[in-house]
Amino acid sequence: MTFSVRRWLLLLLAATAVYVGVWAAAAPASWWRSFPGAGHRWLPVLGDYNEHLARDVGAFNLALAVLAIGAARRPADGFLVRLTALAWLTFSVPHLLYHLGHLAPYAPIDRAGNVLSLGLVVLAPAVLLLPARAGRDAAENP
């Protein structure tokens, strides 16, 4: 994998974390009622609203975004990229497993959306654990 691919995967992870993090931290009740958006509502079927939990979800997503953005600025730093990937996997694997066991209340499109979106935030950091190769972009990332 090239350093450019690493950078784009890290920025993709950061974007997902910023989307969830800003919304959940700044407007937790709205996030709880309306996540993921576009008329879909994935959280209310899982239990009662909890402002503390929602704000914590926002805060830890923002922390993951900071880490991913920092690693995206240094994609040639293998240690930093692997550490970031492991931090994401530490969160995203149990998160995916939980939701895989709680798909029954959802319509088929929302089941697919859950599995796809949560699967991608497992796949992207897993790919980041692959060794980098110095390709065309090696000169821009000494």
N, C-alpha and C. Protein backbone atom coordinates (compact mmCIF):
# COMPACT_ATOMS: atom_id res chain seq x y z
N MET A 1 0.84 -1.17 0.00
CA MET A 1 0.00 0.00 0.00
C MET A 1 0.89 1.24 0.00
N THR A 2 0.51 2.20 -0.78
CA THR A 2 1.31 3.43 -0.86
C THR A 2 0.95 4.37 0.29
N PHE A 3 1.78 5.36 0.48
CA PHE A 3 1.52 6.35 1.52
C PHE A 3 0.27 7.16 1.20
N SER A 4 0.01 7.38 -0.07
CA SER A 4 -1.21 8.11 -0.46
C SER A 4 -2.47 7.33 -0.08
N VAL A 5 -2.45 6.03 -0.29
CA VAL A 5 -3.60 5.21 0.11
C VAL A 5 -3.77 5.26 1.62
N ARG A 6 -2.67 5.17 2.34
CA ARG A 6 -2.74 5.30 3.80
C ARG A 6 -3.41 6.61 4.19
N ARG A 7 -2.94 7.68 3.58
CA ARG A 7 -3.47 9.02 3.91
C ARG A 7 -4.98 9.06 3.65
N TRP A 8 -5.43 8.57 2.50
CA TRP A 8 -6.85 8.63 2.18
C TRP A 8 -7.69 7.76 3.12
N LEU A 9 -7.20 6.59 3.48
CA LEU A 9 -7.93 5.76 4.44
C LEU A 9 -8.03 6.45 5.80
N LEU A 10 -6.94 7.06 6.23
CA LEU A 10 -6.96 7.77 7.51
C LEU A 10 -7.92 8.96 7.47
N LEU A 11 -7.94 9.66 6.35
CA LEU A 11 -8.86 10.80 6.22
C LEU A 11 -10.31 10.34 6.15
N LEU A 12 -10.55 9.20 5.54
CA LEU A 12 -11.90 8.63 5.52
C LEU A 12 -12.36 8.30 6.94
N LEU A 13 -11.48 7.67 7.70
CA LEU A 13 -11.81 7.36 9.10
C LEU A 13 -12.05 8.65 9.89
N ALA A 14 -11.20 9.64 9.68
CA ALA A 14 -11.37 10.91 10.38
C ALA A 14 -12.70 11.56 10.03
N ALA A 15 -13.07 11.51 8.77
CA ALA A 15 -14.33 12.13 8.34
C ALA A 15 -15.53 11.46 9.02
N THR A 16 -15.51 10.14 9.11
CA THR A 16 -16.61 9.45 9.78
C THR A 16 -16.67 9.83 11.25
N ALA A 17 -15.51 9.93 11.87
CA ALA A 17 -15.47 10.28 13.29
C ALA A 17 -15.89 11.72 13.53
N VAL A 18 -15.52 12.62 12.64
CA VAL A 18 -15.94 14.02 12.79
C VAL A 18 -17.45 14.13 12.62
N TYR A 19 -18.01 13.42 11.65
CA TYR A 19 -19.46 13.44 11.43
C TYR A 19 -20.21 13.01 12.69
N VAL A 20 -19.84 11.87 13.24
CA VAL A 20 -20.50 11.38 14.45
C VAL A 20 -20.14 12.26 15.64
N GLY A 21 -18.85 12.60 15.75
CA GLY A 21 -18.37 13.29 16.94
C GLY A 21 -18.94 14.67 17.13
N VAL A 22 -18.92 15.48 16.10
CA VAL A 22 -19.46 16.84 16.23
C VAL A 22 -20.94 16.80 16.53
N TRP A 23 -21.67 15.98 15.80
CA TRP A 23 -23.12 15.89 15.99
C TRP A 23 -23.47 15.39 17.39
N ALA A 24 -22.84 14.30 17.82
CA ALA A 24 -23.17 13.72 19.13
C ALA A 24 -22.73 14.61 20.28
N ALA A 25 -21.60 15.29 20.14
CA ALA A 25 -21.11 16.15 21.22
C ALA A 25 -21.88 17.46 21.29
N ALA A 26 -22.21 18.03 20.14
CA ALA A 26 -22.85 19.36 20.13
C ALA A 26 -24.37 19.30 20.26
N ALA A 27 -24.98 18.26 19.74
CA ALA A 27 -26.45 18.15 19.76
C ALA A 27 -26.84 16.71 20.05
N PRO A 28 -26.57 16.26 21.27
CA PRO A 28 -26.75 14.83 21.56
C PRO A 28 -28.18 14.32 21.37
N ALA A 29 -29.17 15.12 21.73
CA ALA A 29 -30.56 14.65 21.57
C ALA A 29 -30.91 14.51 20.09
N SER A 30 -30.49 15.46 19.29
CA SER A 30 -30.71 15.38 17.84
C SER A 30 -30.00 14.16 17.26
N TRP A 31 -28.76 13.95 17.66
CA TRP A 31 -28.00 12.79 17.19
C TRP A 31 -28.74 11.51 17.55
N TRP A 32 -29.19 11.40 18.80
CA TRP A 32 -29.87 10.19 19.25
C TRP A 32 -31.15 9.94 18.44
N ARG A 33 -31.92 11.01 18.18
CA ARG A 33 -33.19 10.86 17.45
C ARG A 33 -32.99 10.56 15.97
N SER A 34 -31.92 11.11 15.37
CA SER A 34 -31.84 11.17 13.91
C SER A 34 -30.67 10.46 13.26
N PHE A 35 -29.75 9.90 14.02
CA PHE A 35 -28.59 9.26 13.41
C PHE A 35 -29.01 8.01 12.66
N PRO A 36 -28.52 7.77 11.48
CA PRO A 36 -27.42 8.39 10.75
C PRO A 36 -27.83 9.56 9.86
N GLY A 37 -29.12 9.86 9.82
CA GLY A 37 -29.60 10.96 8.99
C GLY A 37 -30.34 10.44 7.77
N ALA A 38 -30.74 11.36 6.90
CA ALA A 38 -31.45 11.04 5.67
C ALA A 38 -32.72 10.23 5.93
N GLY A 39 -33.40 10.53 7.03
CA GLY A 39 -34.65 9.85 7.35
C GLY A 39 -34.51 8.53 8.08
N HIS A 40 -33.30 8.08 8.32
CA HIS A 40 -33.07 6.83 9.05
C HIS A 40 -32.81 7.16 10.51
N ARG A 41 -33.26 6.27 11.39
CA ARG A 41 -33.11 6.48 12.83
C ARG A 41 -32.67 5.16 13.46
N TRP A 42 -31.37 5.05 13.71
CA TRP A 42 -30.84 3.78 14.17
C TRP A 42 -30.73 3.65 15.68
N LEU A 43 -30.75 4.75 16.41
CA LEU A 43 -30.46 4.66 17.84
C LEU A 43 -31.68 4.47 18.73
N PRO A 44 -32.81 5.13 18.48
CA PRO A 44 -33.94 4.99 19.40
C PRO A 44 -34.41 3.55 19.61
N VAL A 45 -34.29 2.69 18.60
CA VAL A 45 -34.75 1.30 18.75
C VAL A 45 -33.85 0.50 19.70
N LEU A 46 -32.69 1.05 20.03
CA LEU A 46 -31.75 0.32 20.89
C LEU A 46 -31.88 0.67 22.38
N GLY A 47 -32.71 1.64 22.70
CA GLY A 47 -32.90 1.97 24.11
C GLY A 47 -33.17 3.45 24.30
N ASP A 48 -33.30 3.82 25.55
CA ASP A 48 -33.62 5.19 25.91
C ASP A 48 -32.44 6.13 25.68
N TYR A 49 -32.77 7.37 25.43
CA TYR A 49 -31.77 8.43 25.26
C TYR A 49 -31.02 8.64 26.57
N ASN A 50 -29.70 8.85 26.43
CA ASN A 50 -28.85 9.13 27.58
C ASN A 50 -27.87 10.21 27.13
N GLU A 51 -28.05 11.43 27.64
CA GLU A 51 -27.22 12.55 27.20
C GLU A 51 -25.74 12.31 27.49
N HIS A 52 -25.44 11.78 28.66
CA HIS A 52 -24.05 11.53 29.01
C HIS A 52 -23.40 10.56 28.02
N LEU A 53 -24.08 9.47 27.75
CA LEU A 53 -23.55 8.50 26.80
C LEU A 53 -23.37 9.13 25.42
N ALA A 54 -24.35 9.89 24.96
CA ALA A 54 -24.27 10.51 23.64
C ALA A 54 -23.10 11.47 23.55
N ARG A 55 -22.92 12.29 24.57
CA ARG A 55 -21.79 13.24 24.55
C ARG A 55 -20.45 12.50 24.63
N ASP A 56 -20.39 11.42 25.39
CA ASP A 56 -19.16 10.62 25.44
C ASP A 56 -18.85 10.00 24.08
N VAL A 57 -19.86 9.50 23.39
CA VAL A 57 -19.66 8.96 22.05
C VAL A 57 -19.09 10.05 21.14
N GLY A 58 -19.65 11.25 21.25
CA GLY A 58 -19.13 12.37 20.46
C GLY A 58 -17.69 12.66 20.78
N ALA A 59 -17.36 12.70 22.06
CA ALA A 59 -16.00 13.03 22.48
C ALA A 59 -14.99 11.97 22.03
N PHE A 60 -15.31 10.70 22.18
CA PHE A 60 -14.32 9.70 21.78
C PHE A 60 -14.20 9.62 20.27
N ASN A 61 -15.26 9.91 19.54
CA ASN A 61 -15.13 9.98 18.08
C ASN A 61 -14.25 11.15 17.68
N LEU A 62 -14.37 12.26 18.35
CA LEU A 62 -13.50 13.40 18.05
C LEU A 62 -12.04 13.08 18.39
N ALA A 63 -11.82 12.34 19.46
CA ALA A 63 -10.46 11.93 19.80
C ALA A 63 -9.88 11.01 18.73
N LEU A 64 -10.67 10.07 18.22
CA LEU A 64 -10.20 9.21 17.14
C LEU A 64 -9.93 10.02 15.88
N ALA A 65 -10.75 11.04 15.64
CA ALA A 65 -10.53 11.90 14.47
C ALA A 65 -9.21 12.63 14.59
N VAL A 66 -8.90 13.15 15.76
CA VAL A 66 -7.62 13.84 15.97
C VAL A 66 -6.46 12.89 15.68
N LEU A 67 -6.53 11.69 16.20
CA LEU A 67 -5.47 10.71 15.98
C LEU A 67 -5.34 10.38 14.49
N ALA A 68 -6.46 10.15 13.81
CA ALA A 68 -6.43 9.81 12.39
C ALA A 68 -5.89 10.96 11.55
N ILE A 69 -6.28 12.18 11.87
CA ILE A 69 -5.77 13.34 11.13
C ILE A 69 -4.26 13.49 11.35
N GLY A 70 -3.82 13.30 12.58
CA GLY A 70 -2.39 13.36 12.85
C GLY A 70 -1.62 12.31 12.07
N ALA A 71 -2.15 11.09 12.02
CA ALA A 71 -1.48 10.03 11.27
C ALA A 71 -1.53 10.31 9.77
N ALA A 72 -2.61 10.91 9.30
CA ALA A 72 -2.73 11.24 7.86
C ALA A 72 -1.68 12.27 7.45
N ARG A 73 -1.26 13.09 8.38
CA ARG A 73 -0.21 14.07 8.09
C ARG A 73 1.16 13.41 8.00
N ARG A 74 1.29 12.19 8.55
CA ARG A 74 2.58 11.48 8.55
C ARG A 74 2.37 10.02 8.12
N PRO A 75 1.87 9.79 6.90
CA PRO A 75 1.55 8.43 6.49
C PRO A 75 2.76 7.51 6.33
N ALA A 76 3.96 8.08 6.28
CA ALA A 76 5.16 7.24 6.18
C ALA A 76 5.61 6.74 7.55
N ASP A 77 5.03 7.27 8.61
CA ASP A 77 5.38 6.86 9.97
C ASP A 77 4.60 5.59 10.30
N GLY A 78 5.22 4.46 10.04
CA GLY A 78 4.56 3.17 10.22
C GLY A 78 4.04 2.94 11.62
N PHE A 79 4.81 3.34 12.62
CA PHE A 79 4.36 3.15 14.00
C PHE A 79 3.09 3.93 14.26
N LEU A 80 3.06 5.19 13.88
CA LEU A 80 1.89 6.04 14.11
C LEU A 80 0.67 5.51 13.35
N VAL A 81 0.85 5.09 12.13
CA VAL A 81 -0.26 4.56 11.34
C VAL A 81 -0.80 3.28 11.96
N ARG A 82 0.10 2.37 12.36
CA ARG A 82 -0.35 1.12 12.99
C ARG A 82 -1.02 1.38 14.33
N LEU A 83 -0.50 2.30 15.11
CA LEU A 83 -1.11 2.65 16.39
C LEU A 83 -2.52 3.20 16.18
N THR A 84 -2.65 4.06 15.19
CA THR A 84 -3.97 4.62 14.87
C THR A 84 -4.92 3.51 14.43
N ALA A 85 -4.44 2.62 13.57
CA ALA A 85 -5.27 1.51 13.11
C ALA A 85 -5.71 0.63 14.28
N LEU A 86 -4.80 0.35 15.20
CA LEU A 86 -5.14 -0.47 16.36
C LEU A 86 -6.13 0.23 17.29
N ALA A 87 -6.00 1.53 17.44
CA ALA A 87 -6.97 2.28 18.25
C ALA A 87 -8.36 2.18 17.62
N TRP A 88 -8.42 2.35 16.30
CA TRP A 88 -9.70 2.24 15.61
C TRP A 88 -10.27 0.84 15.74
N LEU A 89 -9.45 -0.19 15.58
CA LEU A 89 -9.93 -1.56 15.69
C LEU A 89 -10.40 -1.89 17.11
N THR A 90 -9.73 -1.33 18.10
CA THR A 90 -10.12 -1.55 19.49
C THR A 90 -11.54 -1.09 19.74
N PHE A 91 -11.93 -0.02 19.07
CA PHE A 91 -13.30 0.46 19.16
C PHE A 91 -14.23 -0.24 18.17
N SER A 92 -13.82 -0.32 16.92
CA SER A 92 -14.76 -0.69 15.86
C SER A 92 -15.11 -2.18 15.81
N VAL A 93 -14.22 -3.06 16.23
CA VAL A 93 -14.55 -4.49 16.20
C VAL A 93 -15.65 -4.81 17.22
N PRO A 94 -15.50 -4.45 18.50
CA PRO A 94 -16.60 -4.72 19.44
C PRO A 94 -17.89 -3.99 19.06
N HIS A 95 -17.76 -2.79 18.50
CA HIS A 95 -18.93 -2.03 18.07
C HIS A 95 -19.68 -2.78 16.97
N LEU A 96 -18.95 -3.27 15.98
CA LEU A 96 -19.57 -4.06 14.92
C LEU A 96 -20.21 -5.33 15.49
N LEU A 97 -19.49 -6.03 16.33
CA LEU A 97 -20.03 -7.28 16.89
C LEU A 97 -21.32 -7.04 17.67
N TYR A 98 -21.35 -5.97 18.44
CA TYR A 98 -22.58 -5.64 19.17
C TYR A 98 -23.75 -5.45 18.20
N HIS A 99 -23.52 -4.63 17.19
CA HIS A 99 -24.61 -4.32 16.28
C HIS A 99 -25.02 -5.51 15.42
N LEU A 100 -24.10 -6.40 15.10
CA LEU A 100 -24.46 -7.62 14.37
C LEU A 100 -25.46 -8.46 15.16
N GLY A 101 -25.37 -8.40 16.47
CA GLY A 101 -26.29 -9.14 17.32
C GLY A 101 -27.58 -8.40 17.62
N HIS A 102 -27.72 -7.19 17.10
CA HIS A 102 -28.91 -6.38 17.40
C HIS A 102 -29.52 -5.77 16.14
N LEU A 103 -29.60 -6.54 15.08
CA LEU A 103 -30.13 -6.05 13.81
C LEU A 103 -31.63 -6.27 13.66
N ALA A 104 -32.22 -7.11 14.49
CA ALA A 104 -33.63 -7.50 14.33
C ALA A 104 -34.61 -6.32 14.26
N PRO A 105 -34.43 -5.25 15.04
CA PRO A 105 -35.45 -4.18 14.99
C PRO A 105 -35.44 -3.34 13.70
N TYR A 106 -34.45 -3.55 12.86
CA TYR A 106 -34.28 -2.67 11.70
C TYR A 106 -34.92 -3.23 10.43
N ALA A 107 -35.31 -2.31 9.57
CA ALA A 107 -35.75 -2.67 8.22
C ALA A 107 -34.53 -3.20 7.46
N PRO A 108 -34.74 -3.97 6.42
CA PRO A 108 -33.60 -4.53 5.67
C PRO A 108 -32.59 -3.49 5.20
N ILE A 109 -33.04 -2.34 4.73
CA ILE A 109 -32.10 -1.31 4.26
C ILE A 109 -31.24 -0.80 5.41
N ASP A 110 -31.82 -0.70 6.60
CA ASP A 110 -31.06 -0.23 7.76
C ASP A 110 -30.13 -1.31 8.30
N ARG A 111 -30.53 -2.57 8.18
CA ARG A 111 -29.61 -3.66 8.53
C ARG A 111 -28.39 -3.61 7.64
N ALA A 112 -28.63 -3.47 6.34
CA ALA A 112 -27.51 -3.39 5.39
C ALA A 112 -26.66 -2.16 5.68
N GLY A 113 -27.27 -1.04 5.97
CA GLY A 113 -26.52 0.18 6.28
C GLY A 113 -25.66 0.02 7.51
N ASN A 114 -26.20 -0.61 8.54
CA ASN A 114 -25.42 -0.87 9.76
C ASN A 114 -24.21 -1.73 9.45
N VAL A 115 -24.44 -2.85 8.79
CA VAL A 115 -23.35 -3.80 8.52
C VAL A 115 -22.31 -3.17 7.60
N LEU A 116 -22.74 -2.48 6.57
CA LEU A 116 -21.81 -1.86 5.64
C LEU A 116 -21.00 -0.76 6.30
N SER A 117 -21.67 0.17 6.97
CA SER A 117 -20.93 1.30 7.57
C SER A 117 -20.00 0.84 8.68
N LEU A 118 -20.48 -0.05 9.54
CA LEU A 118 -19.63 -0.52 10.64
C LEU A 118 -18.54 -1.46 10.14
N GLY A 119 -18.85 -2.22 9.09
CA GLY A 119 -17.84 -3.09 8.49
C GLY A 119 -16.70 -2.29 7.86
N LEU A 120 -17.04 -1.17 7.24
CA LEU A 120 -16.00 -0.34 6.62
C LEU A 120 -15.04 0.25 7.65
N VAL A 121 -15.56 0.59 8.84
CA VAL A 121 -14.65 1.13 9.86
C VAL A 121 -13.91 0.03 10.61
N VAL A 122 -14.12 -1.21 10.23
CA VAL A 122 -13.24 -2.31 10.64
C VAL A 122 -12.25 -2.59 9.51
N LEU A 123 -12.75 -2.60 8.29
CA LEU A 123 -11.90 -2.91 7.14
C LEU A 123 -10.80 -1.87 6.93
N ALA A 124 -11.15 -0.60 6.98
CA ALA A 124 -10.15 0.45 6.71
C ALA A 124 -8.96 0.38 7.66
N PRO A 125 -9.15 0.30 8.99
CA PRO A 125 -7.97 0.19 9.84
C PRO A 125 -7.24 -1.14 9.69
N ALA A 126 -7.97 -2.21 9.36
CA ALA A 126 -7.30 -3.49 9.13
C ALA A 126 -6.36 -3.37 7.93
N VAL A 127 -6.80 -2.69 6.88
CA VAL A 127 -5.95 -2.49 5.71
C VAL A 127 -4.73 -1.65 6.08
N LEU A 128 -4.91 -0.71 6.98
CA LEU A 128 -3.78 0.14 7.40
C LEU A 128 -2.68 -0.65 8.10
N LEU A 129 -2.99 -1.85 8.55
CA LEU A 129 -1.96 -2.68 9.18
C LEU A 129 -1.07 -3.38 8.15
N LEU A 130 -1.48 -3.34 6.89
CA LEU A 130 -0.64 -3.93 5.83
C LEU A 130 0.64 -3.11 5.67
N PRO A 131 1.72 -3.74 5.27
CA PRO A 131 2.97 -3.00 5.09
C PRO A 131 2.85 -1.97 3.98
N ALA A 132 3.51 -0.86 4.18
CA ALA A 132 3.55 0.19 3.16
C ALA A 132 4.67 -0.13 2.19
N ARG A 133 4.51 0.37 1.00
CA ARG A 133 5.59 0.25 0.03
C ARG A 133 5.88 1.65 -0.50
N ALA A 134 7.12 1.89 -0.69
CA ALA A 134 7.53 3.19 -1.21
C ALA A 134 7.25 3.20 -2.71
N GLY A 135 6.17 3.85 -3.07
CA GLY A 135 5.80 3.96 -4.48
C GLY A 135 6.16 5.35 -5.00
N ARG A 136 5.38 5.79 -5.97
CA ARG A 136 5.59 7.10 -6.56
C ARG A 136 5.61 8.20 -5.52
N ASP A 137 4.82 8.03 -4.45
CA ASP A 137 4.69 9.10 -3.49
C ASP A 137 5.76 9.09 -2.40
N ALA A 138 6.74 8.24 -2.46
CA ALA A 138 7.77 8.18 -1.42
C ALA A 138 8.54 9.49 -1.31
N ALA A 139 8.75 10.16 -2.41
CA ALA A 139 9.52 11.42 -2.36
C ALA A 139 8.79 12.49 -1.58
N GLU A 140 7.45 12.46 -1.59
CA GLU A 140 6.70 13.50 -0.87
C GLU A 140 6.55 13.17 0.60
N ASN A 141 6.91 11.95 1.02
CA ASN A 141 6.78 11.50 2.40
C ASN A 141 8.09 10.89 2.89
N PRO A 142 9.09 11.70 3.07
CA PRO A 142 10.39 11.14 3.49
C PRO A 142 10.33 10.48 4.85
